[in-house]
Amino acid sequence: MKVQLSADTQAMLDSLQKSVRETLERKRRLGQYAIIGKNGK
């Protein structure tokens, strides 16, 4: 079931995802590690 988001909410989510993607890519290029939790763990 897909939830329909408002345009503003979708724009915020897209911006957040882009920021995270860019930050993780920068850390990868610098040889730094990132700790990623899944399902609250």
PDB file of N, CA and C in Angstrom:
ATOM      1  N   MET A   1       0.843  -1.177   0.000  1.00  0.00           N
ATOM      2  CA  MET A   1       0.000   0.000   0.000  1.00  0.00           C
ATOM      3  C   MET A   1       0.887   1.238   0.000  1.00  0.00           C
ATOM      4  N   LYS A   2       0.742   2.076  -0.982  1.00  0.00           N
ATOM      5  CA  LYS A   2       1.549   3.282  -1.102  1.00  0.00           C
ATOM      6  C   LYS A   2       0.777   4.480  -0.552  1.00  0.00           C
ATOM      7  N   VAL A   3       1.432   5.250   0.289  1.00  0.00           N
ATOM      8  CA  VAL A   3       0.812   6.419   0.897  1.00  0.00           C
ATOM      9  C   VAL A   3       0.990   7.609  -0.046  1.00  0.00           C
ATOM     10  N   GLN A   4      -0.068   8.361  -0.259  1.00  0.00           N
ATOM     11  CA  GLN A   4      -0.010   9.555  -1.101  1.00  0.00           C
ATOM     12  C   GLN A   4       0.466  10.723  -0.244  1.00  0.00           C
ATOM     13  N   LEU A   5       1.576  11.351  -0.629  1.00  0.00           N
ATOM     14  CA  LEU A   5       2.132  12.470   0.121  1.00  0.00           C
ATOM     15  C   LEU A   5       1.782  13.780  -0.567  1.00  0.00           C
ATOM     16  N   SER A   6       1.671  14.837   0.234  1.00  0.00           N
ATOM     17  CA  SER A   6       1.433  16.154  -0.358  1.00  0.00           C
ATOM     18  C   SER A   6       2.690  16.581  -1.111  1.00  0.00           C
ATOM     19  N   ALA A   7       2.560  17.552  -1.983  1.00  0.00           N
ATOM     20  CA  ALA A   7       3.696  18.023  -2.781  1.00  0.00           C
ATOM     21  C   ALA A   7       4.809  18.554  -1.880  1.00  0.00           C
ATOM     22  N   ASP A   8       4.439  19.297  -0.835  1.00  0.00           N
ATOM     23  CA  ASP A   8       5.445  19.836   0.085  1.00  0.00           C
ATOM     24  C   ASP A   8       6.174  18.725   0.828  1.00  0.00           C
ATOM     25  N   THR A   9       5.426  17.744   1.298  1.00  0.00           N
ATOM     26  CA  THR A   9       6.023  16.625   2.023  1.00  0.00           C
ATOM     27  C   THR A   9       6.955  15.841   1.113  1.00  0.00           C
ATOM     28  N   GLN A  10       6.543  15.603  -0.128  1.00  0.00           N
ATOM     29  CA  GLN A  10       7.379  14.868  -1.080  1.00  0.00           C
ATOM     30  C   GLN A  10       8.657  15.642  -1.380  1.00  0.00           C
ATOM     31  N   ALA A  11       8.564  16.963  -1.510  1.00  0.00           N
ATOM     32  CA  ALA A  11       9.742  17.794  -1.762  1.00  0.00           C
ATOM     33  C   ALA A  11      10.718  17.710  -0.590  1.00  0.00           C
ATOM     34  N   MET A  12      10.188  17.729   0.643  1.00  0.00           N
ATOM     35  CA  MET A  12      11.050  17.619   1.826  1.00  0.00           C
ATOM     36  C   MET A  12      11.727  16.253   1.877  1.00  0.00           C
ATOM     37  N   LEU A  13      10.976  15.209   1.602  1.00  0.00           N
ATOM     38  CA  LEU A  13      11.529  13.857   1.609  1.00  0.00           C
ATOM     39  C   LEU A  13      12.608  13.707   0.544  1.00  0.00           C
ATOM     40  N   ASP A  14      12.357  14.221  -0.655  1.00  0.00           N
ATOM     41  CA  ASP A  14      13.347  14.154  -1.735  1.00  0.00           C
ATOM     42  C   ASP A  14      14.627  14.885  -1.351  1.00  0.00           C
ATOM     43  N   SER A  15      14.484  16.054  -0.735  1.00  0.00           N
ATOM     44  CA  SER A  15      15.638  16.838  -0.314  1.00  0.00           C
ATOM     45  C   SER A  15      16.452  16.100   0.747  1.00  0.00           C
ATOM     46  N   LEU A  16      15.770  15.507   1.707  1.00  0.00           N
ATOM     47  CA  LEU A  16      16.448  14.749   2.755  1.00  0.00           C
ATOM     48  C   LEU A  16      17.186  13.547   2.172  1.00  0.00           C
ATOM     49  N   GLN A  17      16.533  12.818   1.276  1.00  0.00           N
ATOM     50  CA  GLN A  17      17.167  11.651   0.660  1.00  0.00           C
ATOM     51  C   GLN A  17      18.395  12.057  -0.148  1.00  0.00           C
ATOM     52  N   LYS A  18      18.314  13.171  -0.869  1.00  0.00           N
ATOM     53  CA  LYS A  18      19.454  13.658  -1.651  1.00  0.00           C
ATOM     54  C   LYS A  18      20.616  14.018  -0.727  1.00  0.00           C
ATOM     55  N   SER A  19      20.321  14.695   0.384  1.00  0.00           N
ATOM     56  CA  SER A  19      21.368  15.080   1.335  1.00  0.00           C
ATOM     57  C   SER A  19      22.067  13.860   1.913  1.00  0.00           C
ATOM     58  N   VAL A  20      21.300  12.859   2.289  1.00  0.00           N
ATOM     59  CA  VAL A  20      21.876  11.635   2.852  1.00  0.00           C
ATOM     60  C   VAL A  20      22.719  10.924   1.804  1.00  0.00           C
ATOM     61  N   ARG A  21      22.193  10.810   0.583  1.00  0.00           N
ATOM     62  CA  ARG A  21      22.919  10.149  -0.505  1.00  0.00           C
ATOM     63  C   ARG A  21      24.255  10.851  -0.769  1.00  0.00           C
ATOM     64  N   GLU A  22      24.251  12.189  -0.825  1.00  0.00           N
ATOM     65  CA  GLU A  22      25.478  12.949  -1.071  1.00  0.00           C
ATOM     66  C   GLU A  22      26.464  12.808   0.083  1.00  0.00           C
ATOM     67  N   THR A  23      25.966  12.827   1.308  1.00  0.00           N
ATOM     68  CA  THR A  23      26.843  12.689   2.473  1.00  0.00           C
ATOM     69  C   THR A  23      27.499  11.318   2.510  1.00  0.00           C
ATOM     70  N   LEU A  24      26.725  10.265   2.249  1.00  0.00           N
ATOM     71  CA  LEU A  24      27.297   8.917   2.247  1.00  0.00           C
ATOM     72  C   LEU A  24      28.313   8.751   1.119  1.00  0.00           C
ATOM     73  N   GLU A  25      28.040   9.337  -0.030  1.00  0.00           N
ATOM     74  CA  GLU A  25      28.994   9.269  -1.148  1.00  0.00           C
ATOM     75  C   GLU A  25      30.284  10.003  -0.792  1.00  0.00           C
ATOM     76  N   ARG A  26      30.181  11.165  -0.154  1.00  0.00           N
ATOM     77  CA  ARG A  26      31.366  11.921   0.253  1.00  0.00           C
ATOM     78  C   ARG A  26      32.190  11.116   1.264  1.00  0.00           C
ATOM     79  N   LYS A  27      31.526  10.494   2.230  1.00  0.00           N
ATOM     80  CA  LYS A  27      32.239   9.675   3.220  1.00  0.00           C
ATOM     81  C   LYS A  27      32.935   8.499   2.535  1.00  0.00           C
ATOM     82  N   ARG A  28      32.262   7.880   1.546  1.00  0.00           N
ATOM     83  CA  ARG A  28      32.858   6.756   0.828  1.00  0.00           C
ATOM     84  C   ARG A  28      34.120   7.209   0.096  1.00  0.00           C
ATOM     85  N   ARG A  29      34.056   8.365  -0.581  1.00  0.00           N
ATOM     86  CA  ARG A  29      35.216   8.868  -1.322  1.00  0.00           C
ATOM     87  C   ARG A  29      36.368   9.220  -0.393  1.00  0.00           C
ATOM     88  N   LEU A  30      36.069   9.678   0.808  1.00  0.00           N
ATOM     89  CA  LEU A  30      37.109  10.047   1.764  1.00  0.00           C
ATOM     90  C   LEU A  30      37.638   8.846   2.549  1.00  0.00           C
ATOM     91  N   GLY A  31      37.038   7.688   2.345  1.00  0.00           N
ATOM     92  CA  GLY A  31      37.472   6.490   3.052  1.00  0.00           C
ATOM     93  C   GLY A  31      36.964   6.421   4.479  1.00  0.00           C
ATOM     94  N   GLN A  32      35.955   7.204   4.793  1.00  0.00           N
ATOM     95  CA  GLN A  32      35.383   7.189   6.135  1.00  0.00           C
ATOM     96  C   GLN A  32      34.274   6.147   6.189  1.00  0.00           C
ATOM     97  N   TYR A  33      33.971   5.718   7.389  1.00  0.00           N
ATOM     98  CA  TYR A  33      32.905   4.731   7.535  1.00  0.00           C
ATOM     99  C   TYR A  33      31.618   5.426   7.968  1.00  0.00           C
ATOM    100  N   ALA A  34      30.523   4.758   7.759  1.00  0.00           N
ATOM    101  CA  ALA A  34      29.219   5.255   8.192  1.00  0.00           C
ATOM    102  C   ALA A  34      28.499   4.115   8.900  1.00  0.00           C
ATOM    103  N   ILE A  35      27.872   4.423  10.007  1.00  0.00           N
ATOM    104  CA  ILE A  35      27.085   3.435  10.736  1.00  0.00           C
ATOM    105  C   ILE A  35      25.632   3.627  10.324  1.00  0.00           C
ATOM    106  N   ILE A  36      25.045   2.582   9.793  1.00  0.00           N
ATOM    107  CA  ILE A  36      23.674   2.655   9.298  1.00  0.00           C
ATOM    108  C   ILE A  36      22.822   1.674  10.082  1.00  0.00           C
ATOM    109  N   GLY A  37      21.795   2.184  10.748  1.00  0.00           N
ATOM    110  CA  GLY A  37      20.884   1.335  11.517  1.00  0.00           C
ATOM    111  C   GLY A  37      19.713   0.893  10.658  1.00  0.00           C
ATOM    112  N   LYS A  38      19.225  -0.287  10.944  1.00  0.00           N
ATOM    113  CA  LYS A  38      18.052  -0.794  10.239  1.00  0.00           C
ATOM    114  C   LYS A  38      17.034  -1.252  11.265  1.00  0.00           C
ATOM    115  N   ASN A  39      15.804  -0.846  11.080  1.00  0.00           N
ATOM    116  CA  ASN A  39      14.704  -1.233  11.963  1.00  0.00           C
ATOM    117  C   ASN A  39      14.989  -0.889  13.421  1.00  0.00           C
ATOM    118  N   GLY A  40      15.577   0.265  13.658  1.00  0.00           N
ATOM    119  CA  GLY A  40      15.828   0.720  15.014  1.00  0.00           C
ATOM    120  C   GLY A  40      16.994   0.042  15.711  1.00  0.00           C
ATOM    121  N   LYS A  41      17.784  -0.717  14.982  1.00  0.00           N
ATOM    122  CA  LYS A  41      18.917  -1.417  15.600  1.00  0.00           C
ATOM    123  C   LYS A  41      20.222  -0.814  15.155  1.00  0.00           C
TER     124      LYS A  41
END
